[in-house]
Structures are given as structure tokens and as C-alpha cells.
């Protein structure tokens, strides 16, 4: 009888699981949409102009970083002439590696940009390429009202996606917790039933033995 009522209660609660997931998703969506509105009101797209493009380190000095020279090795000119072949190959190897490394650094350094903030203050700084927004041949930057660089604001579509995922996760977790709770209750009920059966069998066995001895 208890198992039957437990099954009915579990079925009713399972019917409420989708409603719980929907409610959770709506709660998360309201919070994230409020964040979207707040960020959109506090972050602005401003037009930036390039002051100077990213340059490979070492170009201004006339050589790539890591280039080996005769004086850098601590040898005399005579030693250099004796070991010219080895020195030339080492210089070529280091120069090639430095050029490749410098190329990667140039891609991440960004450009020196100049922009005017919404409060009409002027700013000039080296900006990472990850923060640059290209639109119709123009460079745009996300800044706050004072002109400080900020990440792009959260968009409404991304907020909706996060809320749907949150609602799905909440419903799945609730369903799993409900199943685990039912299994634990069923296990405890079964243990109590088995213990009751053992006591009954022990009592019946004693009475059975006395009846046999008396016969």
C-alpha cells in the first residue's frame, strides 16, 4: 500500500518537473536580460583611428631579437674566422626562430589607437586585436562613459541561450533527485519489510518446534 502511494506521488511530482524547469529558465532569463540592459546602457561603441600599427620587436634596433654576433659569443675576431661556419649556421637558426616568434607576438600586440570617449575625453593606447570591432572599414571599440576599454556587452540571444540551458539543467537535476529519493525510500521500506518477515519467521519457527515436540 505504501509503495502504491509512493508511486502515485512520484508520478505527480514528475508532472511538475517541466514546470520547475520552465520557472528556473524564466528566472535566469529575467536576471540575464536585466544584465543585458545594464551593460548596454553603460557601454558604448566609439570610433578609433590607428596611430601606429603593431611592429615586430627588434625592428627599431635593426636586428631581430636573439641574433648572435661575434662580440656576443665572447670570441675574438680570429676565433670567429676559425669558427665562421658554425657561427653562421647558429646565427641563421636563431634569427629564423626569432622571426617566427616575433611574428606571433605582433599578431597579439595590437595597434596603437586613438579614440574619443562619450564624455569627450581623448585616449590613446595599445589595444589588443581581440577588442577591435571592424565595421564597414572602421575600427570600433567598446568603452565605458569615461573611455576605459571594456568587453562587449552581453547580447539578448546569448542570454536566452543561457536561460534555456539553465532551465534544462534544473529540470534534469530535479528529475534525477526525485528518482534517487524514490529509490532510497523503496530500499528502506524493503529493509523494514524483510526485518518484519524475519521476526515473523523466527516466532513461527519456535511455535512450530513446540508443536512438533508435543506431538
Protein backbone atom coordinates (compact mmCIF):
# COMPACT_ATOMS: atom_id res chain seq x y z
CA UNK A 1 0.00 0.00 0.00
CA UNK A 2 2.79 2.40 0.87
CA UNK A 3 4.60 1.57 -2.37
CA UNK A 4 1.47 2.37 -4.35
CA UNK A 5 1.05 5.78 -2.74
CA UNK A 6 4.75 6.45 -3.21
CA UNK A 7 4.41 5.62 -6.91
CA UNK A 8 1.43 7.98 -7.28
CA UNK A 9 3.29 10.78 -5.50
CA UNK A 10 6.36 10.25 -7.69
CA UNK A 11 4.24 10.40 -10.86
CA UNK A 12 2.59 13.64 -9.73
CA UNK A 13 5.93 15.23 -8.91
CA UNK A 14 7.32 14.14 -12.28
CA UNK A 15 4.49 16.07 -13.94
CA UNK A 16 5.73 19.18 -12.14
CA UNK A 17 9.36 18.75 -13.27
CA UNK A 18 8.88 20.53 -16.65
CA UNK A 19 7.08 23.37 -14.86
CA UNK A 20 10.01 23.68 -12.46
CA UNK A 21 12.46 23.76 -15.38
CA UNK A 22 10.40 26.46 -17.13
CA UNK A 23 10.25 28.55 -13.95
CA UNK A 24 14.01 28.23 -13.43
CA UNK A 25 14.73 29.21 -17.02
CA UNK A 26 12.44 32.23 -16.78
CA UNK A 27 14.13 33.35 -13.56
CA UNK A 28 17.58 33.10 -15.12
CA UNK A 29 16.36 34.84 -18.28
CA UNK A 30 14.94 37.78 -16.32
CA UNK A 31 18.23 38.19 -14.48
CA UNK A 32 20.36 37.96 -17.64
CA UNK A 33 18.12 40.31 -19.61
CA UNK A 34 18.50 42.83 -16.80
CA UNK A 35 22.28 42.42 -17.13
CA UNK A 36 21.97 42.96 -20.90
CA UNK A 37 20.07 46.21 -20.40
CA UNK A 38 22.52 47.41 -17.75
CA UNK A 39 25.57 46.68 -19.90
CA UNK A 40 24.04 48.25 -23.00
CA UNK A 41 23.32 51.44 -21.10
CA UNK A 42 26.85 51.60 -19.65
CA UNK A 43 28.95 50.51 -22.66
CA UNK A 44 29.36 52.43 -25.91
CA UNK A 45 30.86 51.82 -29.34
CA UNK A 46 33.31 54.57 -30.31
CA UNK A 47 35.27 55.01 -33.50
CA UNK A 48 39.05 54.64 -33.22
CA UNK A 49 41.81 55.75 -35.56
CA UNK A 50 45.13 53.98 -35.99
CA UNK A 51 48.10 55.95 -34.67
CA UNK A 52 50.63 53.22 -35.47
CA UNK A 53 50.33 49.58 -36.44
CA UNK A 54 51.80 46.72 -34.43
CA UNK A 55 55.54 46.34 -35.04
CA UNK A 56 57.76 43.38 -34.56
CA UNK A 57 60.04 43.82 -31.52
CA UNK A 58 63.64 44.39 -32.54
CA UNK A 59 62.93 46.12 -35.84
CA UNK A 60 63.84 49.52 -34.45
CA UNK A 61 67.24 48.25 -33.35
CA UNK A 62 67.98 46.95 -36.82
CA UNK A 63 68.05 43.25 -35.92
CA UNK A 64 65.70 40.58 -34.77
CA UNK A 65 65.79 39.56 -31.10
CA UNK A 66 68.16 36.71 -30.39
CA UNK A 67 70.54 37.43 -33.30
CA UNK A 68 74.04 36.22 -32.42
CA UNK A 69 77.04 38.45 -33.19
CA UNK A 70 80.78 37.91 -32.82
CA UNK A 71 81.10 40.01 -29.66
CA UNK A 72 78.04 38.37 -28.07
CA UNK A 73 79.75 34.98 -28.14
CA UNK A 74 82.84 36.22 -26.31
CA UNK A 75 85.23 35.16 -29.14
CA UNK A 76 87.93 37.23 -30.74
CA UNK A 77 87.83 38.08 -34.43
CA UNK A 78 90.41 35.38 -35.01
CA UNK A 79 88.26 32.80 -33.29
CA UNK A 80 85.30 33.94 -35.32
CA UNK A 81 87.18 33.39 -38.56
CA UNK A 82 88.17 29.90 -37.42
CA UNK A 83 84.64 29.00 -36.45
CA UNK A 84 82.81 31.07 -39.06
CA UNK A 85 80.83 28.20 -40.46
CA UNK A 86 79.40 27.15 -37.09
CA UNK A 87 78.67 30.75 -36.09
CA UNK A 88 76.87 31.49 -39.35
CA UNK A 89 74.63 28.44 -39.01
CA UNK A 90 73.83 29.30 -35.38
CA UNK A 91 73.01 32.90 -36.34
CA UNK A 92 70.74 31.77 -39.15
CA UNK A 93 68.93 29.31 -36.89
CA UNK A 94 68.35 31.81 -34.08
CA UNK A 95 67.34 34.55 -36.49
CA UNK A 96 64.76 32.30 -38.14
CA UNK A 97 63.32 31.27 -34.78
CA UNK A 98 63.21 34.87 -33.59
CA UNK A 99 61.42 36.00 -36.74
CA UNK A 100 58.73 33.34 -36.26
CA UNK A 101 58.31 34.22 -32.58
CA UNK A 102 58.21 37.94 -33.34
CA UNK A 103 55.52 37.35 -35.93
CA UNK A 104 53.34 35.65 -33.36
CA UNK A 105 53.93 38.50 -30.88
CA UNK A 106 53.00 41.09 -33.48
CA UNK A 107 49.64 39.40 -34.01
CA UNK A 108 48.78 39.72 -30.30
CA UNK A 109 50.26 43.15 -29.52
CA UNK A 110 47.56 45.05 -31.39
CA UNK A 111 47.72 48.59 -32.73
CA UNK A 112 48.14 51.96 -31.07
CA UNK A 113 44.71 53.55 -31.40
CA UNK A 114 43.22 56.92 -30.59
CA UNK A 115 39.58 57.36 -29.62
CA UNK A 116 37.26 59.89 -28.04
CA UNK A 117 35.10 58.73 -25.12
CA UNK A 118 31.41 59.57 -24.71
CA UNK A 119 32.42 62.18 -22.11
CA UNK A 120 34.60 63.79 -24.86
CA UNK A 121 37.91 62.79 -23.25
CA UNK A 122 40.69 61.69 -25.64
CA UNK A 123 42.53 58.39 -25.19
CA UNK A 124 45.50 56.77 -26.92
CA UNK A 125 46.68 53.27 -26.06
CA UNK A 126 47.82 49.96 -27.47
CA UNK A 127 44.69 47.88 -27.99
CA UNK A 128 44.63 44.12 -28.36
CA UNK A 129 43.15 42.88 -31.60
CA UNK A 130 40.58 40.91 -29.59
CA UNK A 131 38.95 44.18 -28.51
CA UNK A 132 38.80 45.69 -32.00
CA UNK A 133 35.46 45.59 -33.83
CA UNK A 134 35.63 46.11 -37.59
CA UNK A 135 32.50 47.52 -39.22
CA UNK A 136 32.37 48.89 -42.77
CA UNK A 137 36.10 49.54 -42.83
CA UNK A 138 36.12 51.33 -39.47
CA UNK A 139 37.64 50.26 -36.16
CA UNK A 140 35.19 50.41 -33.28
CA UNK A 141 35.92 49.90 -29.58
CA UNK A 142 33.65 49.14 -26.66
CA UNK A 143 34.28 51.61 -23.83
CA UNK A 144 32.52 52.89 -20.73
CA UNK A 145 31.42 56.50 -20.38
CA UNK A 146 34.92 57.54 -19.27
CA UNK A 147 36.59 55.89 -22.26
CA UNK A 148 38.03 52.83 -20.48
CA UNK A 149 38.11 49.73 -22.66
CA UNK A 150 35.54 47.09 -21.68
CA UNK A 151 34.43 43.73 -23.16
CA UNK A 152 31.42 43.72 -25.47
CA UNK A 153 28.07 43.69 -23.65
CA UNK A 154 26.07 40.50 -23.31
CA UNK A 155 23.60 40.18 -26.19
CA UNK A 156 19.99 39.11 -25.80
CA UNK A 157 20.35 35.91 -27.85
CA UNK A 158 23.23 34.66 -25.71
CA UNK A 159 21.25 35.44 -22.55
CA UNK A 160 18.29 33.47 -23.89
CA UNK A 161 20.52 30.51 -24.72
CA UNK A 162 21.98 30.51 -21.20
CA UNK A 163 18.49 30.65 -19.67
CA UNK A 164 17.30 27.69 -21.77
CA UNK A 165 20.34 25.66 -20.74
CA UNK A 166 19.79 26.61 -17.10
CA UNK A 167 16.13 25.57 -17.23
CA UNK A 168 17.02 22.25 -18.86
CA UNK A 169 19.70 21.57 -16.28
CA UNK A 170 17.31 22.43 -13.42
CA UNK A 171 14.59 20.13 -14.75
CA UNK A 172 17.05 17.29 -15.31
CA UNK A 173 18.52 17.69 -11.82
CA UNK A 174 15.07 17.77 -10.25
CA UNK A 175 14.01 14.62 -12.09
CA UNK A 176 17.20 12.80 -11.10
CA UNK A 177 16.85 13.85 -7.47
CA UNK A 178 13.24 12.66 -7.46
CA UNK A 179 14.22 9.23 -8.80
CA UNK A 180 17.06 8.88 -6.30
CA UNK A 181 14.75 9.85 -3.41
CA UNK A 182 12.16 7.29 -4.52
CA UNK A 183 14.77 4.54 -4.77
CA UNK A 184 16.13 5.33 -1.29
CA UNK A 185 12.62 5.25 0.21
CA UNK A 186 11.83 1.98 -1.55
CA UNK A 187 15.09 0.48 -0.26
CA UNK A 188 14.29 1.49 3.33
CA UNK A 189 10.76 0.13 3.05
CA UNK A 190 12.09 -3.15 1.70
CA UNK A 191 14.59 -3.43 4.56
CA UNK A 192 11.85 -2.83 7.10
CA UNK A 193 9.66 -5.44 5.41
CA UNK A 194 12.45 -8.03 5.36
CA UNK A 195 13.19 -7.38 9.03
CA UNK A 196 9.49 -7.86 9.84
CA UNK A 197 9.42 -11.12 7.89
CA UNK A 198 12.48 -12.36 9.76
CA UNK A 199 10.81 -11.67 13.11
CA UNK A 200 7.63 -13.41 11.98
CA UNK A 201 9.56 -16.46 10.74
CA UNK A 202 11.50 -16.64 13.99
CA UNK A 203 8.28 -16.59 16.02
CA UNK A 204 6.52 -19.12 13.80
CA UNK A 205 9.58 -21.40 13.88
CA UNK A 206 9.62 -21.51 17.66
CA UNK A 207 5.90 -22.31 17.83
CA UNK A 208 6.33 -24.94 15.13
CA UNK A 209 9.12 -26.64 17.11
CA UNK A 210 7.00 -26.82 20.27
CA UNK A 211 4.07 -28.24 18.36
CA UNK A 212 6.24 -30.97 16.91
CA UNK A 213 7.72 -31.89 20.30
CA UNK A 214 4.29 -32.10 21.89
CA UNK A 215 3.03 -34.39 19.15
